[in-house]
Amino acid sequence: MNYRSVRFTSNLRVYLCALLIFSVAAPAQAAGGYRLPQFRHVMADARMPQVPMDQKVTLLADEDYAPFSFRGRSGQPAGLAVELALAACAEIGVTCEVVLKPLPELVPELSAGHGDVILSGPRIDAALLETAIMTRGWFRASARLVVKSGSPLKKADARALEGKRIGVIAGSAHEAWVKELLPKSEAVAFEDWAKAQEALKSGGVDALFGDGLPLIYFIGGDAAKGCCRLLDGAYFDSPALSRNAAFLMKPERTDLRDAFDVALDRLQENGVTEKLFNAYVPLSPW
């Protein structure tokens, strides 16, 4: 995910972001995994809409957007969003087919009627929602801090980070955010994550700050070699650091949107969503 620079112009927004972000703590660890925050407000009274049972629903997904959607080793669609959507289809009682496409083709394919639902890929913004409708979000991205395993840092709040050198990607929203909301910390910009990660391992910076999922995979990957850990606490700030994951449909398909919303509520309630996150994301993003 490549978030470009964001200019913050409202002091009130800065104040509210600080309250929201620094109050978020990682959820308690569940037996054999982590607990998933309840991202969705479940509509307990909502009934499953009638969707034609003989209708085949075509699900479109980004072919290169791991862990949400990608082409597995067998060549078949795989990923967190893919499995969640197929589970939702089972709840609705419709037959679904997943078709992987390059990111630029997803919205045109939906608009042309070559697909019914987009599962992953496009950034959901006001322009996109002029041509599509969305379910309520089933995930919200957060930013995280990574430190060396032996770091004395325990908290991810502004006071603990005073005077610390925080590695970020040059020109990213994360760099702008650190400069704006952590003025007593030093934002150290790198042109890519490989250089930033090496700086953390060598002690050139005290922490890395970026999108939570890539940092989780860095920690568990060969490049880290067990060097590092997540600092407790997730950072939410929309639209600067956070984005919702939701399914998209054509504006006239309110029946399909409502059906997926009921199904996603059920999957959150019965624990399927949590199990899928634990299967695809090895550490809690929150």
Protein backbone atom coordinates (compact mmCIF):
# COMPACT_ATOMS: atom_id res chain seq x y z
CA MET A 1 0.00 0.00 0.00
CA ASN A 2 1.52 3.26 -1.05
CA TYR A 3 0.07 6.22 0.79
CA ARG A 4 1.28 9.52 -0.62
CA SER A 5 1.98 12.63 1.42
CA VAL A 6 -0.92 14.24 3.19
CA ARG A 7 -1.06 17.85 4.30
CA PHE A 8 -2.82 18.32 7.62
CA THR A 9 -4.58 21.68 7.84
CA SER A 10 -6.89 21.40 10.84
CA ASN A 11 -5.60 21.69 14.41
CA LEU A 12 -8.83 20.06 15.57
CA ARG A 13 -8.16 17.08 13.31
CA VAL A 14 -4.65 16.75 14.73
CA TYR A 15 -6.04 16.79 18.25
CA LEU A 16 -8.73 14.23 17.52
CA CYS A 17 -6.30 11.94 15.68
CA ALA A 18 -3.98 11.98 18.66
CA LEU A 19 -6.82 10.99 20.99
CA LEU A 20 -7.99 8.19 18.73
CA ILE A 21 -4.62 6.77 17.85
CA PHE A 22 -2.89 6.74 21.19
CA SER A 23 -5.88 5.20 22.96
CA VAL A 24 -5.93 2.08 20.77
CA ALA A 25 -4.31 -0.99 22.31
CA ALA A 26 -3.74 -4.41 20.82
CA PRO A 27 -6.53 -6.88 21.69
CA ALA A 28 -5.87 -9.67 24.12
CA GLN A 29 -4.29 -12.78 22.68
CA ALA A 30 -6.71 -15.65 22.15
CA ALA A 31 -5.79 -19.27 22.79
CA GLY A 32 -3.90 -20.40 19.71
CA GLY A 33 -4.11 -16.97 18.06
CA TYR A 34 -5.19 -13.37 18.53
CA ARG A 35 -8.58 -11.80 19.04
CA LEU A 36 -9.99 -9.81 16.16
CA PRO A 37 -11.53 -6.39 16.90
CA GLN A 38 -15.21 -6.13 16.05
CA PHE A 39 -14.85 -3.83 13.06
CA ARG A 40 -18.48 -4.16 12.08
CA HIS A 41 -21.46 -2.92 14.04
CA VAL A 42 -23.69 -5.94 13.62
CA MET A 43 -27.23 -5.16 12.46
CA ALA A 44 -28.95 -7.79 14.59
CA ASP A 45 -32.42 -7.17 13.13
CA ALA A 46 -31.35 -7.28 9.48
CA ARG A 47 -32.84 -10.08 7.39
CA MET A 48 -31.16 -11.79 4.48
CA PRO A 49 -32.48 -10.26 1.24
CA GLN A 50 -33.79 -12.51 -1.50
CA VAL A 51 -31.08 -13.02 -4.10
CA PRO A 52 -31.98 -15.26 -7.09
CA MET A 53 -30.70 -18.72 -6.16
CA ASP A 54 -30.00 -19.62 -9.79
CA GLN A 55 -27.80 -16.58 -10.25
CA LYS A 56 -24.05 -17.10 -10.46
CA VAL A 57 -22.21 -14.25 -8.76
CA THR A 58 -18.87 -13.27 -10.27
CA LEU A 59 -16.38 -11.96 -7.73
CA LEU A 60 -13.55 -9.78 -9.05
CA ALA A 61 -10.29 -9.47 -7.12
CA ASP A 62 -6.83 -7.97 -7.54
CA GLU A 63 -4.47 -10.70 -8.74
CA ASP A 64 -1.50 -9.29 -6.82
CA TYR A 65 -2.75 -7.98 -3.48
CA ALA A 66 -1.59 -10.42 -0.83
CA PRO A 67 -2.77 -11.31 1.74
CA PHE A 68 -6.23 -10.22 0.54
CA SER A 69 -6.20 -11.72 -2.95
CA PHE A 70 -3.58 -13.38 -5.12
CA ARG A 71 -2.93 -16.38 -7.34
CA GLY A 72 -2.01 -19.40 -5.25
CA ARG A 73 0.60 -22.00 -6.11
CA SER A 74 -2.01 -24.03 -7.96
CA GLY A 75 -2.95 -20.98 -10.00
CA GLN A 76 -6.32 -20.69 -8.26
CA PRO A 77 -7.54 -17.53 -6.46
CA ALA A 78 -6.51 -17.38 -2.83
CA GLY A 79 -6.39 -14.85 -0.02
CA LEU A 80 -8.19 -13.49 2.99
CA ALA A 81 -10.77 -11.46 1.03
CA VAL A 82 -11.34 -14.38 -1.35
CA GLU A 83 -12.07 -16.88 1.41
CA LEU A 84 -14.20 -14.41 3.34
CA ALA A 85 -16.28 -13.66 0.25
CA LEU A 86 -16.78 -17.35 -0.54
CA ALA A 87 -17.89 -17.94 3.04
CA ALA A 88 -20.33 -15.05 2.63
CA CYS A 89 -21.65 -16.60 -0.57
CA ALA A 90 -22.37 -19.80 1.35
CA GLU A 91 -24.28 -17.78 3.96
CA ILE A 92 -26.31 -16.07 1.23
CA GLY A 93 -26.90 -19.35 -0.58
CA VAL A 94 -25.56 -18.36 -3.99
CA THR A 95 -22.90 -19.87 -6.24
CA CYS A 96 -19.87 -17.64 -6.62
CA GLU A 97 -16.87 -17.65 -8.93
CA VAL A 98 -13.70 -15.67 -8.23
CA VAL A 99 -11.94 -14.05 -11.18
CA LEU A 100 -8.52 -12.46 -10.67
CA LYS A 101 -7.69 -9.36 -12.69
CA PRO A 102 -4.98 -6.68 -12.74
CA LEU A 103 -5.91 -3.76 -10.50
CA PRO A 104 -6.62 -1.24 -13.31
CA GLU A 105 -9.19 -3.58 -14.87
CA LEU A 106 -11.37 -4.19 -11.81
CA VAL A 107 -13.62 -1.13 -11.83
CA PRO A 108 -14.09 -1.12 -15.65
CA GLU A 109 -15.01 -4.82 -15.50
CA LEU A 110 -17.60 -4.14 -12.81
CA SER A 111 -19.03 -1.15 -14.70
CA ALA A 112 -19.25 -3.18 -17.91
CA GLY A 113 -21.23 -5.92 -16.19
CA HIS A 114 -18.47 -8.52 -16.42
CA GLY A 115 -18.50 -8.99 -12.68
CA ASP A 116 -20.88 -8.48 -9.77
CA VAL A 117 -18.63 -7.74 -6.77
CA ILE A 118 -15.11 -6.36 -6.33
CA LEU A 119 -13.44 -7.98 -3.33
CA SER A 120 -10.11 -6.18 -3.09
CA GLY A 121 -7.75 -3.79 -4.79
CA PRO A 122 -9.21 -0.34 -5.48
CA ARG A 123 -8.80 2.38 -2.90
CA ILE A 124 -12.29 3.30 -1.74
CA ASP A 125 -12.78 7.05 -2.03
CA ALA A 126 -15.48 9.55 -3.01
CA ALA A 127 -14.70 9.26 -6.72
CA LEU A 128 -15.08 5.48 -6.70
CA LEU A 129 -18.33 5.67 -4.77
CA GLU A 130 -19.84 7.75 -7.56
CA THR A 131 -19.87 4.59 -9.67
CA ALA A 132 -20.23 1.84 -7.05
CA ILE A 133 -21.80 1.07 -3.69
CA MET A 134 -20.03 -0.70 -0.86
CA THR A 135 -20.77 -2.97 2.05
CA ARG A 136 -19.90 -1.83 5.51
CA GLY A 137 -16.19 -2.32 6.13
CA TRP A 138 -14.95 -5.68 7.38
CA PHE A 139 -11.38 -4.52 8.11
CA ARG A 140 -9.65 -1.23 8.75
CA ALA A 141 -5.95 -0.91 8.11
CA SER A 142 -3.72 0.55 10.79
CA ALA A 143 -0.15 1.75 11.06
CA ARG A 144 2.30 0.09 13.43
CA LEU A 145 5.72 0.68 14.93
CA VAL A 146 8.45 -1.96 14.77
CA VAL A 147 11.46 -1.91 17.10
CA LYS A 148 14.43 -4.21 17.70
CA SER A 149 13.67 -7.16 19.95
CA GLY A 150 15.84 -5.78 22.75
CA SER A 151 14.52 -2.23 22.56
CA PRO A 152 13.53 -0.66 25.90
CA LEU A 153 10.50 0.93 24.23
CA LYS A 154 7.26 -0.52 25.58
CA LYS A 155 4.59 1.97 24.52
CA ALA A 156 3.67 3.61 21.23
CA ASP A 157 2.61 6.97 22.65
CA ALA A 158 4.05 10.42 21.99
CA ARG A 159 5.84 10.69 25.33
CA ALA A 160 7.63 7.35 24.95
CA LEU A 161 8.72 8.32 21.42
CA GLU A 162 10.18 11.72 22.32
CA GLY A 163 13.70 12.05 20.90
CA LYS A 164 13.44 8.75 19.02
CA ARG A 165 14.47 8.35 15.39
CA ILE A 166 11.57 6.88 13.45
CA GLY A 167 12.21 5.39 10.03
CA VAL A 168 9.60 6.10 7.35
CA ILE A 169 9.35 5.98 3.56
CA ALA A 170 10.17 9.33 1.97
CA GLY A 171 7.12 11.15 0.67
CA SER A 172 4.66 8.83 2.40
CA ALA A 173 1.70 9.78 4.55
CA HIS A 174 3.48 8.05 7.42
CA GLU A 175 6.36 10.53 7.13
CA ALA A 176 3.93 13.47 7.09
CA TRP A 177 2.08 12.02 10.05
CA VAL A 178 5.21 11.64 12.20
CA LYS A 179 6.31 15.19 11.42
CA GLU A 180 2.87 16.59 12.24
CA LEU A 181 1.81 14.53 15.26
CA LEU A 182 5.15 13.49 16.76
CA PRO A 183 7.11 16.75 16.51
CA LYS A 184 9.45 15.74 19.35
CA SER A 185 10.50 12.64 17.42
CA GLU A 186 12.78 12.65 14.37
CA ALA A 187 11.38 11.31 11.10
CA VAL A 188 14.20 9.62 9.18
CA ALA A 189 13.16 9.11 5.55
CA PHE A 190 14.32 6.23 3.33
CA GLU A 191 13.69 5.62 -0.35
CA ASP A 192 12.56 2.02 0.20
CA TRP A 193 11.80 -0.49 2.92
CA ALA A 194 14.96 -2.52 2.36
CA LYS A 195 17.11 0.45 3.43
CA ALA A 196 14.77 1.31 6.29
CA GLN A 197 14.85 -2.24 7.62
CA GLU A 198 18.64 -2.39 7.48
CA ALA A 199 18.80 0.89 9.40
CA LEU A 200 16.62 -0.56 12.14
CA LYS A 201 18.72 -3.71 12.42
CA SER A 202 21.96 -1.70 12.54
CA GLY A 203 20.68 0.83 15.06
CA GLY A 204 20.44 3.72 12.62
CA VAL A 205 16.86 4.30 13.74
CA ASP A 206 14.97 3.40 16.89
CA ALA A 207 11.78 2.28 15.17
CA LEU A 208 10.07 1.86 11.81
CA PHE A 209 6.62 3.30 11.17
CA GLY A 210 4.38 2.15 8.35
CA ASP A 211 1.40 0.09 7.29
CA GLY A 212 0.91 -2.74 9.76
CA LEU A 213 0.59 -5.72 7.43
CA PRO A 214 3.89 -5.31 5.51
CA LEU A 215 5.71 -4.76 8.81
CA ILE A 216 4.20 -7.96 10.22
CA TYR A 217 5.44 -9.95 7.24
CA PHE A 218 8.87 -8.32 7.57
CA ILE A 219 9.12 -9.46 11.20
CA GLY A 220 8.27 -13.03 10.28
CA GLY A 221 10.37 -13.14 7.12
CA ASP A 222 13.92 -14.15 6.32
CA ALA A 223 15.12 -10.55 6.10
CA ALA A 224 14.39 -9.88 9.77
CA LYS A 225 16.02 -13.04 11.12
CA GLY A 226 14.18 -12.59 14.41
CA CYS A 227 15.61 -9.11 14.93
CA CYS A 228 12.47 -7.20 15.66
CA ARG A 229 9.05 -6.98 17.26
CA LEU A 230 5.88 -4.92 17.01
CA LEU A 231 5.44 -2.17 19.55
CA ASP A 232 2.09 -2.51 21.30
CA GLY A 233 -0.70 -0.35 19.94
CA ALA A 234 -2.18 0.36 16.51
CA TYR A 235 -2.50 3.78 14.89
CA PHE A 236 -5.74 4.69 13.13
CA ASP A 237 -6.17 7.89 11.14
CA SER A 238 -8.48 8.02 8.16
CA PRO A 239 -7.72 8.78 5.40
CA ALA A 240 -4.04 9.39 6.12
CA LEU A 241 -2.99 6.03 7.55
CA SER A 242 -6.11 3.89 7.42
CA ARG A 243 -8.37 2.49 4.75
CA ASN A 244 -11.45 0.35 4.95
CA ALA A 245 -11.72 -3.01 3.27
CA ALA A 246 -15.22 -3.54 1.86
CA PHE A 247 -16.89 -5.23 -1.09
CA LEU A 248 -18.08 -3.10 -4.02
CA MET A 249 -21.12 -3.54 -6.27
CA LYS A 250 -22.87 -1.62 -9.04
CA PRO A 251 -25.27 1.03 -7.66
CA GLU A 252 -28.39 -0.89 -8.73
CA ARG A 253 -27.34 -4.05 -6.85
CA THR A 254 -28.52 -2.98 -3.41
CA ASP A 255 -29.91 -6.49 -2.94
CA LEU A 256 -26.45 -7.99 -3.32
CA ARG A 257 -24.88 -5.32 -1.10
CA ASP A 258 -27.42 -5.94 1.65
CA ALA A 259 -27.02 -9.72 1.38
CA PHE A 260 -23.26 -9.50 1.75
CA ASP A 261 -23.66 -7.16 4.72
CA VAL A 262 -25.88 -9.67 6.52
CA ALA A 263 -23.45 -12.48 5.68
CA LEU A 264 -20.41 -10.50 6.86
CA ASP A 265 -22.19 -9.73 10.14
CA ARG A 266 -22.80 -13.44 10.66
CA LEU A 267 -19.20 -14.35 9.84
CA GLN A 268 -17.92 -11.85 12.37
CA GLU A 269 -20.33 -13.13 15.00
CA ASN A 270 -19.57 -16.82 14.48
CA GLY A 271 -15.79 -16.36 14.47
CA VAL A 272 -15.09 -17.22 10.82
CA THR A 273 -13.61 -13.78 10.09
CA GLU A 274 -11.29 -14.07 13.09
CA LYS A 275 -10.13 -17.55 12.02
CA LEU A 276 -9.35 -16.32 8.50
CA PHE A 277 -7.29 -13.41 9.83
CA ASN A 278 -5.32 -15.76 12.05
CA ALA A 279 -4.70 -18.02 9.04
CA TYR A 280 -3.41 -15.26 6.77
CA VAL A 281 -1.94 -12.68 9.16
CA PRO A 282 0.50 -14.25 11.66
CA LEU A 283 0.46 -11.40 14.21
CA SER A 284 -2.32 -9.11 15.30
CA PRO A 285 -2.36 -5.95 13.15
CA TRP A 286 -3.88 -4.12 16.09
